[in-house]
C-alpha atoms as a PDB file:
ATOM      1  CA  MET A   1      -0.013   0.006  -0.004  1.00  0.00           C
ATOM      2  CA  ALA A   2       1.393   3.455  -0.917  1.00  0.00           C
ATOM      3  CA  PRO A   3       2.483   5.466   2.152  1.00  0.00           C
ATOM      4  CA  LEU A   4       0.180   8.424   1.533  1.00  0.00           C
ATOM      5  CA  THR A   5      -2.839   6.077   0.900  1.00  0.00           C
ATOM      6  CA  LEU A   6      -2.019   4.283   4.148  1.00  0.00           C
ATOM      7  CA  LEU A   7      -1.815   7.619   5.987  1.00  0.00           C
ATOM      8  CA  ARG A   8      -5.249   8.718   4.795  1.00  0.00           C
ATOM      9  CA  GLN A   9      -6.973   5.392   5.229  1.00  0.00           C
ATOM     10  CA  HIS A  10      -5.872   4.972   8.823  1.00  0.00           C
ATOM     11  CA  SER A  11      -5.778   8.585   9.965  1.00  0.00           C
ATOM     12  CA  LYS A  12      -7.670   7.751  13.181  1.00  0.00           C
ATOM     13  CA  LEU A  13      -4.497   6.031  14.397  1.00  0.00           C
ATOM     14  CA  ALA A  14      -2.798   9.421  14.484  1.00  0.00           C
ATOM     15  CA  ASP A  15      -4.581   9.718  17.871  1.00  0.00           C
ATOM     16  CA  PRO A  16      -2.095   8.489  20.530  1.00  0.00           C
ATOM     17  CA  ARG A  17      -4.992   7.420  22.762  1.00  0.00           C
ATOM     18  CA  GLU A  18      -6.270   5.060  20.118  1.00  0.00           C
ATOM     19  CA  GLN A  19      -2.832   3.631  19.564  1.00  0.00           C
ATOM     20  CA  LEU A  20      -2.402   2.977  23.267  1.00  0.00           C
ATOM     21  CA  ARG A  21      -5.845   1.414  23.464  1.00  0.00           C
ATOM     22  CA  ILE A  22      -4.970  -1.044  20.675  1.00  0.00           C
ATOM     23  CA  LEU A  23      -1.621  -1.957  22.273  1.00  0.00           C
ATOM     24  CA  ASN A  24      -3.099  -2.415  25.749  1.00  0.00           C
ATOM     25  CA  LYS A  25      -6.650  -3.632  25.138  1.00  0.00           C
ATOM     26  CA  GLU A  26      -6.590  -5.485  21.828  1.00  0.00           C
ATOM     27  CA  THR A  27      -3.450  -7.542  22.340  1.00  0.00           C
ATOM     28  CA  GLN A  28      -2.996 -10.355  24.828  1.00  0.00           C
ATOM     29  CA  GLN A  29       0.631  -9.734  25.749  1.00  0.00           C
ATOM     30  CA  PRO A  30       1.834  -9.080  29.318  1.00  0.00           C
ATOM     31  CA  ALA A  31       2.430  -5.494  30.382  1.00  0.00           C
ATOM     32  CA  PHE A  32       6.017  -4.375  29.910  1.00  0.00           C
ATOM     33  CA  ASN A  33       6.553  -3.706  33.642  1.00  0.00           C
ATOM     34  CA  GLN A  34       5.278  -7.202  34.421  1.00  0.00           C
ATOM     35  CA  GLN A  35       7.935  -8.538  32.055  1.00  0.00           C
ATOM     36  CA  LEU A  36      10.583  -6.650  33.966  1.00  0.00           C
ATOM     37  CA  GLU A  37       9.306  -8.114  37.240  1.00  0.00           C
ATOM     38  CA  GLN A  38       9.348 -11.598  35.761  1.00  0.00           C
ATOM     39  CA  TYR A  39      13.036 -11.240  35.040  1.00  0.00           C
ATOM     40  CA  GLN A  40      13.578  -9.668  38.480  1.00  0.00           C
ATOM     41  CA  LEU A  41      14.539  -6.372  36.916  1.00  0.00           C
ATOM     42  CA  PRO A  42      13.737  -2.983  38.576  1.00  0.00           C
ATOM     43  CA  LYS A  43      11.477  -0.431  36.975  1.00  0.00           C
ATOM     44  CA  LEU A  44      13.306   1.663  34.456  1.00  0.00           C
ATOM     45  CA  GLN A  45      15.092   4.789  35.695  1.00  0.00           C
ATOM     46  CA  ALA A  46      17.385   7.272  34.015  1.00  0.00           C
ATOM     47  CA  SER A  47      21.023   6.766  34.938  1.00  0.00           C
ATOM     48  CA  THR A  48      22.137  10.162  33.584  1.00  0.00           C
ATOM     49  CA  ILE A  49      21.351  12.362  30.578  1.00  0.00           C
ATOM     50  CA  THR A  50      24.085  12.968  28.064  1.00  0.00           C
ATOM     51  CA  THR A  51      21.946  13.562  24.972  1.00  0.00           C
ATOM     52  CA  LEU A  52      19.359  16.246  24.347  1.00  0.00           C
ATOM     53  CA  GLN A  53      17.213  14.954  21.484  1.00  0.00           C
ATOM     54  CA  VAL A  54      15.122  17.701  19.877  1.00  0.00           C
ATOM     55  CA  ASN A  55      12.258  17.044  17.482  1.00  0.00           C
ATOM     56  CA  LEU A  56      12.235  20.248  15.370  1.00  0.00           C
ATOM     57  CA  GLY A  57       8.816  19.491  13.886  1.00  0.00           C
ATOM     58  CA  LYS A  58       6.749  17.109  11.807  1.00  0.00           C
ATOM     59  CA  LEU A  59       7.237  18.821   8.456  1.00  0.00           C
ATOM     60  CA  CYS A  60       9.056  16.567   6.010  1.00  0.00           C
ATOM     61  CA  ASN A  61       9.563  16.284   2.311  1.00  0.00           C
ATOM     62  CA  MET A  62       8.716  12.557   2.466  1.00  0.00           C
ATOM     63  CA  THR A  63       5.869  10.348   3.689  1.00  0.00           C
ATOM     64  CA  CYS A  64       7.454   7.012   4.683  1.00  0.00           C
ATOM     65  CA  ASP A  65       5.180   4.145   5.668  1.00  0.00           C
ATOM     66  CA  HIS A  66       7.320   3.211   8.728  1.00  0.00           C
ATOM     67  CA  CYS A  67       7.471   6.739  10.127  1.00  0.00           C
ATOM     68  CA  HIS A  68       6.571   6.789  13.840  1.00  0.00           C
ATOM     69  CA  VAL A  69       6.421  10.609  13.772  1.00  0.00           C
ATOM     70  CA  ASP A  70       3.610  10.599  11.185  1.00  0.00           C
ATOM     71  CA  ALA A  71       5.594  13.289   9.355  1.00  0.00           C
ATOM     72  CA  GLY A  72       4.952  14.607   5.853  1.00  0.00           C
ATOM     73  CA  PRO A  73       4.815  17.643   3.513  1.00  0.00           C
ATOM     74  CA  ASP A  74       1.360  18.565   4.819  1.00  0.00           C
ATOM     75  CA  ARG A  75       2.377  18.863   8.464  1.00  0.00           C
ATOM     76  CA  ARG A  76       2.791  22.339   9.917  1.00  0.00           C
ATOM     77  CA  GLU A  77       4.061  21.549  13.426  1.00  0.00           C
ATOM     78  CA  ILE A  78       7.408  23.410  13.718  1.00  0.00           C
ATOM     79  CA  MET A  79       9.428  24.400  16.784  1.00  0.00           C
ATOM     80  CA  ASP A  80       9.530  28.202  17.113  1.00  0.00           C
ATOM     81  CA  ARG A  81      12.534  30.428  17.787  1.00  0.00           C
ATOM     82  CA  GLU A  82      11.698  30.927  21.470  1.00  0.00           C
ATOM     83  CA  THR A  83      11.622  27.162  22.154  1.00  0.00           C
ATOM     84  CA  VAL A  84      14.830  26.648  20.162  1.00  0.00           C
ATOM     85  CA  GLY A  85      16.473  29.253  22.382  1.00  0.00           C
ATOM     86  CA  GLN A  86      15.291  27.441  25.483  1.00  0.00           C
ATOM     87  CA  CYS A  87      16.738  24.207  24.172  1.00  0.00           C
ATOM     88  CA  LEU A  88      20.092  25.883  23.536  1.00  0.00           C
ATOM     89  CA  THR A  89      20.091  27.311  27.039  1.00  0.00           C
ATOM     90  CA  ALA A  90      19.470  23.828  28.503  1.00  0.00           C
ATOM     91  CA  LEU A  91      22.228  22.436  26.218  1.00  0.00           C
ATOM     92  CA  GLU A  92      24.783  24.646  28.015  1.00  0.00           C
ATOM     93  CA  HIS A  93      24.632  22.265  30.976  1.00  0.00           C
ATOM     94  CA  PRO A  94      27.977  20.379  31.114  1.00  0.00           C
ATOM     95  CA  GLY A  95      26.165  17.057  31.545  1.00  0.00           C
ATOM     96  CA  PHE A  96      25.009  17.212  27.942  1.00  0.00           C
ATOM     97  CA  GLN A  97      27.519  15.930  25.362  1.00  0.00           C
ATOM     98  CA  THR A  98      25.263  15.642  22.310  1.00  0.00           C
ATOM     99  CA  LEU A  99      22.483  17.503  20.559  1.00  0.00           C
ATOM    100  CA  ASP A 100      20.469  15.040  18.484  1.00  0.00           C
ATOM    101  CA  LEU A 101      18.304  16.787  15.923  1.00  0.00           C
ATOM    102  CA  THR A 102      15.360  14.941  14.439  1.00  0.00           C
ATOM    103  CA  GLY A 103      11.963  15.524  12.823  1.00  0.00           C
ATOM    104  CA  GLY A 104      10.247  15.215  10.289  1.00  0.00           C
ATOM    105  CA  ALA A 105      13.105  16.522   8.298  1.00  0.00           C
ATOM    106  CA  PRO A 106      14.825  18.666  10.949  1.00  0.00           C
ATOM    107  CA  GLU A 107      16.600  20.639   8.236  1.00  0.00           C
ATOM    108  CA  MET A 108      13.246  22.115   7.134  1.00  0.00           C
ATOM    109  CA  ASN A 109      12.912  24.002  10.411  1.00  0.00           C
ATOM    110  CA  PRO A 110      13.991  27.642   9.667  1.00  0.00           C
ATOM    111  CA  HIS A 111      16.080  27.732  12.874  1.00  0.00           C
ATOM    112  CA  PHE A 112      17.958  24.478  12.129  1.00  0.00           C
ATOM    113  CA  ARG A 113      21.190  26.085  10.990  1.00  0.00           C
ATOM    114  CA  GLU A 114      21.316  28.571  13.841  1.00  0.00           C
ATOM    115  CA  MET A 115      20.819  25.689  16.288  1.00  0.00           C
ATOM    116  CA  VAL A 116      23.722  23.783  14.715  1.00  0.00           C
ATOM    117  CA  LYS A 117      25.984  26.822  14.893  1.00  0.00           C
ATOM    118  CA  GLN A 118      25.212  27.564  18.517  1.00  0.00           C
ATOM    119  CA  ALA A 119      25.643  23.895  19.562  1.00  0.00           C
ATOM    120  CA  ALA A 120      29.001  23.820  17.738  1.00  0.00           C
ATOM    121  CA  ARG A 121      30.080  26.923  19.690  1.00  0.00           C
ATOM    122  CA  LEU A 122      29.284  25.046  22.862  1.00  0.00           C
ATOM    123  CA  ASN A 123      31.549  22.202  21.714  1.00  0.00           C
ATOM    124  CA  LYS A 124      28.687  19.711  21.721  1.00  0.00           C
ATOM    125  CA  GLN A 125      28.492  16.793  19.309  1.00  0.00           C
ATOM    126  CA  VAL A 126      25.679  17.484  16.827  1.00  0.00           C
ATOM    127  CA  ILE A 127      23.719  14.730  15.119  1.00  0.00           C
ATOM    128  CA  ASP A 128      21.442  15.380  12.120  1.00  0.00           C
ATOM    129  CA  ARG A 129      18.975  12.529  11.541  1.00  0.00           C
ATOM    130  CA  CYS A 130      18.650  13.048   7.827  1.00  0.00           C
ATOM    131  CA  ASN A 131      16.435  11.310   5.266  1.00  0.00           C
ATOM    132  CA  LEU A 132      19.041  12.032   2.549  1.00  0.00           C
ATOM    133  CA  THR A 133      16.568  13.157  -0.107  1.00  0.00           C
ATOM    134  CA  ILE A 134      16.192  16.553   1.576  1.00  0.00           C
ATOM    135  CA  LEU A 135      19.755  17.261   0.504  1.00  0.00           C
ATOM    136  CA  LEU A 136      18.600  17.417  -3.098  1.00  0.00           C
ATOM    137  CA  ALA A 137      15.499  19.545  -2.498  1.00  0.00           C
ATOM    138  CA  PRO A 138      15.388  23.170  -3.752  1.00  0.00           C
ATOM    139  CA  GLY A 139      16.704  25.541  -1.061  1.00  0.00           C
ATOM    140  CA  PHE A 140      18.579  22.735   0.711  1.00  0.00           C
ATOM    141  CA  GLN A 141      21.255  21.762  -1.818  1.00  0.00           C
ATOM    142  CA  ASP A 142      24.002  23.565   0.113  1.00  0.00           C
ATOM    143  CA  LEU A 143      23.233  21.603   3.276  1.00  0.00           C
ATOM    144  CA  PRO A 144      26.018  19.002   2.754  1.00  0.00           C
ATOM    145  CA  GLU A 145      28.670  21.736   2.771  1.00  0.00           C
ATOM    146  CA  PHE A 146      27.016  23.414   5.824  1.00  0.00           C
ATOM    147  CA  LEU A 147      26.944  20.153   7.773  1.00  0.00           C
ATOM    148  CA  ALA A 148      30.549  19.384   6.850  1.00  0.00           C
ATOM    149  CA  GLU A 149      31.732  22.871   7.838  1.00  0.00           C
ATOM    150  CA  HIS A 150      30.269  22.419  11.357  1.00  0.00           C
ATOM    151  CA  GLN A 151      31.382  18.784  11.773  1.00  0.00           C
ATOM    152  CA  VAL A 152      27.816  17.543  12.121  1.00  0.00           C
ATOM    153  CA  ASP A 153      27.463  13.773  12.373  1.00  0.00           C
ATOM    154  CA  ILE A 154      24.875  12.466   9.888  1.00  0.00           C
ATOM    155  CA  VAL A 155      22.608   9.577  10.729  1.00  0.00           C
ATOM    156  CA  ALA A 156      20.872   8.772   7.432  1.00  0.00           C
ATOM    157  CA  SER A 157      17.959   6.499   6.725  1.00  0.00           C
ATOM    158  CA  LEU A 158      18.535   3.920   4.015  1.00  0.00           C
ATOM    159  CA  PRO A 159      16.117   1.033   4.649  1.00  0.00           C
ATOM    160  CA  CYS A 160      17.820  -1.263   2.152  1.00  0.00           C
ATOM    161  CA  TYR A 161      20.645  -1.368  -0.371  1.00  0.00           C
ATOM    162  CA  LEU A 162      18.070  -2.639  -2.872  1.00  0.00           C
ATOM    163  CA  GLU A 163      16.092  -0.060  -4.817  1.00  0.00           C
ATOM    164  CA  GLU A 164      12.826  -1.987  -4.774  1.00  0.00           C
ATOM    165  CA  ASN A 165      12.783  -2.400  -1.029  1.00  0.00           C
ATOM    166  CA  THR A 166      13.741   1.187  -0.284  1.00  0.00           C
ATOM    167  CA  ASP A 167      11.136   2.630  -2.646  1.00  0.00           C
ATOM    168  CA  ALA A 168       8.472   0.355  -1.212  1.00  0.00           C
ATOM    169  CA  GLN A 169       9.009   1.872   2.190  1.00  0.00           C
ATOM    170  CA  ARG A 170       9.821   5.507   1.252  1.00  0.00           C
ATOM    171  CA  GLY A 171       8.236   6.158  -2.153  1.00  0.00           C
ATOM    172  CA  ASN A 172       9.194   5.866  -5.807  1.00  0.00           C
ATOM    173  CA  GLY A 173      12.549   7.417  -6.602  1.00  0.00           C
ATOM    174  CA  ALA A 174      13.717   7.595  -3.004  1.00  0.00           C
ATOM    175  CA  PHE A 175      16.536   5.133  -3.541  1.00  0.00           C
ATOM    176  CA  GLN A 176      18.164   6.878  -6.468  1.00  0.00           C
ATOM    177  CA  LYS A 177      17.919  10.247  -4.731  1.00  0.00           C
ATOM    178  CA  SER A 178      19.441   8.739  -1.563  1.00  0.00           C
ATOM    179  CA  ILE A 179      22.378   7.340  -3.614  1.00  0.00           C
ATOM    180  CA  GLN A 180      22.961  10.692  -5.162  1.00  0.00           C
ATOM    181  CA  ALA A 181      22.972  12.360  -1.775  1.00  0.00           C
ATOM    182  CA  LEU A 182      25.362   9.730  -0.387  1.00  0.00           C
ATOM    183  CA  ASN A 183      27.757  10.341  -3.279  1.00  0.00           C
ATOM    184  CA  ALA A 184      27.674  14.059  -2.501  1.00  0.00           C
ATOM    185  CA  LEU A 185      28.398  13.401   1.190  1.00  0.00           C
ATOM    186  CA  ASN A 186      31.250  11.059   0.318  1.00  0.00           C
ATOM    187  CA  SER A 187      32.789  13.789  -1.857  1.00  0.00           C
ATOM    188  CA  LEU A 188      32.982  15.956   1.283  1.00  0.00           C
ATOM    189  CA  GLY A 189      34.686  13.222   3.316  1.00  0.00           C
ATOM    190  CA  TYR A 190      31.623  11.860   5.059  1.00  0.00           C
ATOM    191  CA  GLY A 191      31.966   8.141   5.666  1.00  0.00           C
ATOM    192  CA  LYS A 192      35.590   7.940   4.576  1.00  0.00           C
ATOM    193  CA  SER A 193      37.925   5.940   6.749  1.00  0.00           C
ATOM    194  CA  ASP A 194      40.473   8.785   6.918  1.00  0.00           C
ATOM    195  CA  SER A 195      37.880  11.512   7.749  1.00  0.00           C
ATOM    196  CA  PRO A 196      36.361  12.630  11.074  1.00  0.00           C
ATOM    197  CA  ARG A 197      33.028  13.271   9.346  1.00  0.00           C
ATOM    198  CA  LYS A 198      30.762  10.447  10.427  1.00  0.00           C
ATOM    199  CA  LEU A 199      28.070   9.007   8.203  1.00  0.00           C
ATOM    200  CA  THR A 200      25.867   6.383   9.833  1.00  0.00           C
ATOM    201  CA  LEU A 201      23.259   4.521   7.832  1.00  0.00           C
ATOM    202  CA  VAL A 202      20.020   3.341   9.387  1.00  0.00           C
ATOM    203  CA  TYR A 203      18.230   0.109   8.450  1.00  0.00           C
ATOM    204  CA  ASN A 204      14.530  -0.450   9.194  1.00  0.00           C
ATOM    205  CA  PRO A 205      12.999  -3.827   8.285  1.00  0.00           C
ATOM    206  CA  VAL A 206      10.713  -3.865   5.325  1.00  0.00           C
ATOM    207  CA  GLY A 207       7.674  -5.705   6.689  1.00  0.00           C
ATOM    208  CA  PHE A 208       6.987  -7.326   9.988  1.00  0.00           C
ATOM    209  CA  SER A 209      10.301  -9.025  10.883  1.00  0.00           C
ATOM    210  CA  LEU A 210      12.918  -8.023  13.443  1.00  0.00           C
ATOM    211  CA  PRO A 211      16.226  -6.596  12.150  1.00  0.00           C
ATOM    212  CA  PRO A 212      18.942  -9.172  11.263  1.00  0.00           C
ATOM    213  CA  ASP A 213      22.336  -9.240  12.918  1.00  0.00           C
ATOM    214  CA  GLN A 214      23.636  -5.691  12.766  1.00  0.00           C
ATOM    215  CA  SER A 215      27.294  -6.511  12.103  1.00  0.00           C
ATOM    216  CA  GLN A 216      26.516  -8.983   9.334  1.00  0.00           C
ATOM    217  CA  LEU A 217      24.076  -6.595   7.688  1.00  0.00           C
ATOM    218  CA  GLU A 218      26.683  -3.844   7.818  1.00  0.00           C
ATOM    219  CA  GLN A 219      29.101  -6.070   5.886  1.00  0.00           C
ATOM    220  CA  ALA A 220      26.445  -6.673   3.241  1.00  0.00           C
ATOM    221  CA  TYR A 221      25.744  -2.917   2.975  1.00  0.00           C
ATOM    222  CA  ARG A 222      29.422  -2.120   2.637  1.00  0.00           C
ATOM    223  CA  ARG A 223      29.898  -4.686  -0.073  1.00  0.00           C
ATOM    224  CA  GLU A 224      26.818  -3.787  -2.112  1.00  0.00           C
ATOM    225  CA  LEU A 225      27.098   0.008  -1.890  1.00  0.00           C
ATOM    226  CA  LYS A 226      30.818  -0.030  -2.620  1.00  0.00           C
ATOM    227  CA  GLU A 227      30.633  -2.435  -5.598  1.00  0.00           C
ATOM    228  CA  ARG A 228      27.527  -0.906  -7.173  1.00  0.00           C
ATOM    229  CA  PHE A 229      27.845   2.839  -6.352  1.00  0.00           C
ATOM    230  CA  ASP A 230      31.343   3.367  -4.876  1.00  0.00           C
ATOM    231  CA  ILE A 231      29.713   4.595  -1.673  1.00  0.00           C
ATOM    232  CA  GLU A 232      31.402   4.372   1.761  1.00  0.00           C
ATOM    233  CA  PHE A 233      29.989   4.962   5.229  1.00  0.00           C
ATOM    234  CA  THR A 234      31.184   4.943   8.840  1.00  0.00           C
ATOM    235  CA  ASN A 235      28.815   2.347  10.282  1.00  0.00           C
ATOM    236  CA  LEU A 236      25.306   0.955  10.050  1.00  0.00           C
ATOM    237  CA  ILE A 237      22.698   0.699  12.788  1.00  0.00           C
ATOM    238  CA  THR A 238      19.481  -1.361  12.813  1.00  0.00           C
ATOM    239  CA  ILE A 239      16.243  -0.111  14.315  1.00  0.00           C
ATOM    240  CA  THR A 240      13.148  -2.167  14.931  1.00  0.00           C
ATOM    241  CA  ASN A 241       9.860  -0.903  13.489  1.00  0.00           C
ATOM    242  CA  MET A 242       7.891   0.349  16.481  1.00  0.00           C
ATOM    243  CA  PRO A 243       4.209  -0.659  16.748  1.00  0.00           C
ATOM    244  CA  ILE A 244       2.980   2.916  16.735  1.00  0.00           C
ATOM    245  CA  SER A 245       1.625   5.427  14.234  1.00  0.00           C
ATOM    246  CA  ARG A 246       1.791   4.397  10.518  1.00  0.00           C
ATOM    247  CA  PHE A 247       3.384   1.055  11.190  1.00  0.00           C
ATOM    248  CA  LEU A 248       0.696   0.227  13.707  1.00  0.00           C
ATOM    249  CA  SER A 249      -1.880   1.266  11.108  1.00  0.00           C
ATOM    250  CA  GLU A 250      -0.340  -1.238   8.709  1.00  0.00           C
ATOM    251  CA  LEU A 251      -0.421  -3.945  11.368  1.00  0.00           C
ATOM    252  CA  VAL A 252      -4.086  -3.231  12.080  1.00  0.00           C
ATOM    253  CA  SER A 253      -5.036  -3.104   8.416  1.00  0.00           C
ATOM    254  CA  GLN A 254      -3.516  -6.560   7.822  1.00  0.00           C
ATOM    255  CA  GLY A 255      -4.754  -8.053  11.086  1.00  0.00           C
ATOM    256  CA  ARG A 256      -1.186  -8.722  12.317  1.00  0.00           C
ATOM    257  CA  THR A 257      -0.987  -6.565  15.457  1.00  0.00           C
ATOM    258  CA  GLU A 258      -1.177  -9.516  17.846  1.00  0.00           C
ATOM    259  CA  GLU A 259       1.317 -11.493  15.755  1.00  0.00           C
ATOM    260  CA  TYR A 260       3.826  -8.690  15.756  1.00  0.00           C
ATOM    261  CA  MET A 261       3.448  -7.928  19.441  1.00  0.00           C
ATOM    262  CA  GLU A 262       3.869 -11.631  20.256  1.00  0.00           C
ATOM    263  CA  ARG A 263       7.030 -11.647  18.167  1.00  0.00           C
ATOM    264  CA  LEU A 264       8.411  -8.744  20.135  1.00  0.00           C
ATOM    265  CA  VAL A 265       7.481 -10.198  23.502  1.00  0.00           C
ATOM    266  CA  ASN A 266       8.923 -13.655  22.683  1.00  0.00           C
ATOM    267  CA  ALA A 267      12.181 -11.948  21.664  1.00  0.00           C
ATOM    268  CA  PHE A 268      12.437  -9.900  24.896  1.00  0.00           C
ATOM    269  CA  ASN A 269      16.111  -9.718  25.876  1.00  0.00           C
ATOM    270  CA  PRO A 270      16.844  -8.603  29.490  1.00  0.00           C
ATOM    271  CA  VAL A 271      20.449  -7.808  28.576  1.00  0.00           C
ATOM    272  CA  THR A 272      19.197  -4.761  26.583  1.00  0.00           C
ATOM    273  CA  ILE A 273      17.769  -2.989  29.612  1.00  0.00           C
ATOM    274  CA  SER A 274      21.009  -1.390  30.793  1.00  0.00           C
ATOM    275  CA  GLY A 275      21.676   0.127  27.340  1.00  0.00           C
ATOM    276  CA  LEU A 276      18.221   1.536  26.551  1.00  0.00           C
ATOM    277  CA  MET A 277      18.502   5.043  25.108  1.00  0.00           C
ATOM    278  CA  CYS A 278      15.845   6.498  27.533  1.00  0.00           C
ATOM    279  CA  ARG A 279      18.328   6.003  30.382  1.00  0.00           C
ATOM    280  CA  SER A 280      20.753   8.544  29.046  1.00  0.00           C
ATOM    281  CA  LEU A 281      18.647  10.737  26.746  1.00  0.00           C
ATOM    282  CA  ILE A 282      15.839  13.252  27.143  1.00  0.00           C
ATOM    283  CA  SER A 283      13.489  14.038  24.235  1.00  0.00           C
ATOM    284  CA  VAL A 284      11.904  17.404  23.508  1.00  0.00           C
ATOM    285  CA  ASP A 285       8.950  17.822  21.182  1.00  0.00           C
ATOM    286  CA  TRP A 286       8.319  20.757  18.837  1.00  0.00           C
ATOM    287  CA  LYS A 287       6.362  22.590  21.576  1.00  0.00           C
ATOM    288  CA  GLY A 288       9.130  22.157  24.089  1.00  0.00           C
ATOM    289  CA  TYR A 289       7.698  19.396  26.249  1.00  0.00           C
ATOM    290  CA  PHE A 290       9.923  16.625  27.719  1.00  0.00           C
ATOM    291  CA  TYR A 291       9.507  12.895  27.022  1.00  0.00           C
ATOM    292  CA  ASP A 292      11.687   9.875  27.889  1.00  0.00           C
ATOM    293  CA  CYS A 293      12.162   9.100  24.184  1.00  0.00           C
ATOM    294  CA  ASP A 294      10.951   9.990  20.749  1.00  0.00           C
ATOM    295  CA  PHE A 295       8.468   7.076  20.798  1.00  0.00           C
ATOM    296  CA  ASN A 296       6.900   8.230  24.063  1.00  0.00           C
ATOM    297  CA  GLN A 297       6.671  11.646  22.494  1.00  0.00           C
ATOM    298  CA  MET A 298       4.513  10.348  19.628  1.00  0.00           C
ATOM    299  CA  LEU A 299       2.259   8.498  22.082  1.00  0.00           C
ATOM    300  CA  ASN A 300       1.909  11.637  24.257  1.00  0.00           C
ATOM    301  CA  LEU A 301       3.469   9.965  27.304  1.00  0.00           C
ATOM    302  CA  PRO A 302       5.277  12.844  29.047  1.00  0.00           C
ATOM    303  CA  VAL A 303       8.033  12.479  31.655  1.00  0.00           C
ATOM    304  CA  ALA A 304       6.959  11.516  35.156  1.00  0.00           C
ATOM    305  CA  VAL A 305       8.383  14.740  36.636  1.00  0.00           C
ATOM    306  CA  PRO A 306       5.388  17.102  36.981  1.00  0.00           C
ATOM    307  CA  ALA A 307       7.481  20.161  37.748  1.00  0.00           C
ATOM    308  CA  ARG A 308       9.758  19.599  34.770  1.00  0.00           C
ATOM    309  CA  LYS A 309       7.453  18.899  31.877  1.00  0.00           C
ATOM    310  CA  HIS A 310       8.641  21.807  29.678  1.00  0.00           C
ATOM    311  CA  ILE A 311      12.060  22.963  28.514  1.00  0.00           C
ATOM    312  CA  ARG A 312      11.546  26.356  30.226  1.00  0.00           C
ATOM    313  CA  ASP A 313      11.546  24.474  33.544  1.00  0.00           C
ATOM    314  CA  PHE A 314      14.663  22.470  32.791  1.00  0.00           C
ATOM    315  CA  HIS A 315      16.514  21.060  35.788  1.00  0.00           C
ATOM    316  CA  TYR A 316      19.218  18.612  34.959  1.00  0.00           C
ATOM    317  CA  GLN A 317      19.300  16.570  38.193  1.00  0.00           C
ATOM    318  CA  ASP A 318      15.557  16.093  38.376  1.00  0.00           C
ATOM    319  CA  LEU A 319      15.460  14.743  34.892  1.00  0.00           C
ATOM    320  CA  ALA A 320      18.665  12.694  35.152  1.00  0.00           C
ATOM    321  CA  THR A 321      17.255  10.644  37.981  1.00  0.00           C
ATOM    322  CA  ARG A 322      13.638  10.313  36.830  1.00  0.00           C
ATOM    323  CA  ASP A 323      11.510   7.147  36.539  1.00  0.00           C
ATOM    324  CA  ILE A 324      10.949   6.125  32.914  1.00  0.00           C
ATOM    325  CA  VAL A 325       7.374   5.943  31.610  1.00  0.00           C
ATOM    326  CA  THR A 326       6.829   2.611  29.844  1.00  0.00           C
ATOM    327  CA  ASN A 327       4.121   0.946  27.809  1.00  0.00           C
ATOM    328  CA  GLN A 328       3.734  -1.937  25.369  1.00  0.00           C
ATOM    329  CA  HIS A 329       5.727  -0.307  22.588  1.00  0.00           C
ATOM    330  CA  CYS A 330       8.839  -0.610  24.836  1.00  0.00           C
ATOM    331  CA  TYR A 331       9.033  -4.239  23.745  1.00  0.00           C
ATOM    332  CA  GLY A 332      10.284  -2.886  20.436  1.00  0.00           C
ATOM    333  CA  CYS A 333      13.475  -1.579  22.079  1.00  0.00           C
ATOM    334  CA  THR A 334      14.134  -4.826  24.021  1.00  0.00           C
ATOM    335  CA  ALA A 335      13.543  -7.452  21.372  1.00  0.00           C
ATOM    336  CA  GLY A 336      16.446  -9.489  20.048  1.00  0.00           C
ATOM    337  CA  ALA A 337      19.653  -7.490  20.059  1.00  0.00           C
ATOM    338  CA  GLY A 338      17.653  -4.417  21.120  1.00  0.00           C
ATOM    339  CA  SER A 339      16.953  -1.227  19.293  1.00  0.00           C
ATOM    340  CA  SER A 340      17.725   2.385  20.076  1.00  0.00           C
ATOM    341  CA  CYS A 341      18.681   5.618  18.344  1.00  0.00           C
ATOM    342  CA  GLY A 342      22.202   4.138  18.340  1.00  0.00           C
ATOM    343  CA  GLY A 343      21.130   0.814  16.846  1.00  0.00           C
ATOM    344  CA  ALA A 344      21.477  -2.659  18.397  1.00  0.00           C
ATOM    345  CA  ILE A 345      22.209  -2.741  22.146  1.00  0.00           C
ATOM    346  CA  SER A 346      23.600  -6.231  22.787  1.00  0.00           C
END
């Protein structure tokens, strides 16, 4: 089913309350916290926060069918200048090492470049979660040079090294545009073994399976992209498709929600708990509200720190020691080798 058709047909699942109802009432799997208890694991808590992940908005030049943000060209949610400023003020705290910019296409926020510049002045690592095709869009074609100038690490979505699979997930022509963008990044040193400019590729499964072994898949990507397109990259990470938003819509439409949830639960790996991204990351939505992760953000599950729900009320210690809000989608991060913004955990 085409991504845009899927989005329109199942628009009711854009409501986080409906998504949570399906995950909690229409599946027969044990609650995530019960699973932790079964393995004699404590409830999740933050251990620190080293990464400030900022969702700059839901505007995007693409409409991908696995997108948990429900982003697209028709979205108008964009972080404003005041909230960007509040994020940068919080970023000054010495506990933060990394600013992780995401969207939508974060580059489409009019304050993206200023945010990158200010974060670089603070000597913070900056990550741009890029869909690659934005680098070819009118008005954004100088972005590769800008990102290189400010030593921004690029984490780029490329669901598969095969054109058919990538286009099936991201739309016709997405693969060829992605290859063109990768060639441009390589020409600037991104992904080269002798360059500090990091280019990380992101794999999402096409369909309802869990990601394969990350290291083996990376070898396949290296071989195929080098032989066919002379493309190099720094590393590859695998991310499990989360049962929320558009992917949940697809599961529901095919009657496979229970099947997928059962797969995640059966693959629960207690070893992943210590490395979950929510334990060292705090997520901020386009309005400035705090969440434990980007997935909780999309399900409207704010942090369990009532006095610190917004970036204007930022307090590092309160957030760095908070309890983590969990729900059934958390099985997606703990299945198999685990899944996080940094890829496999174990």
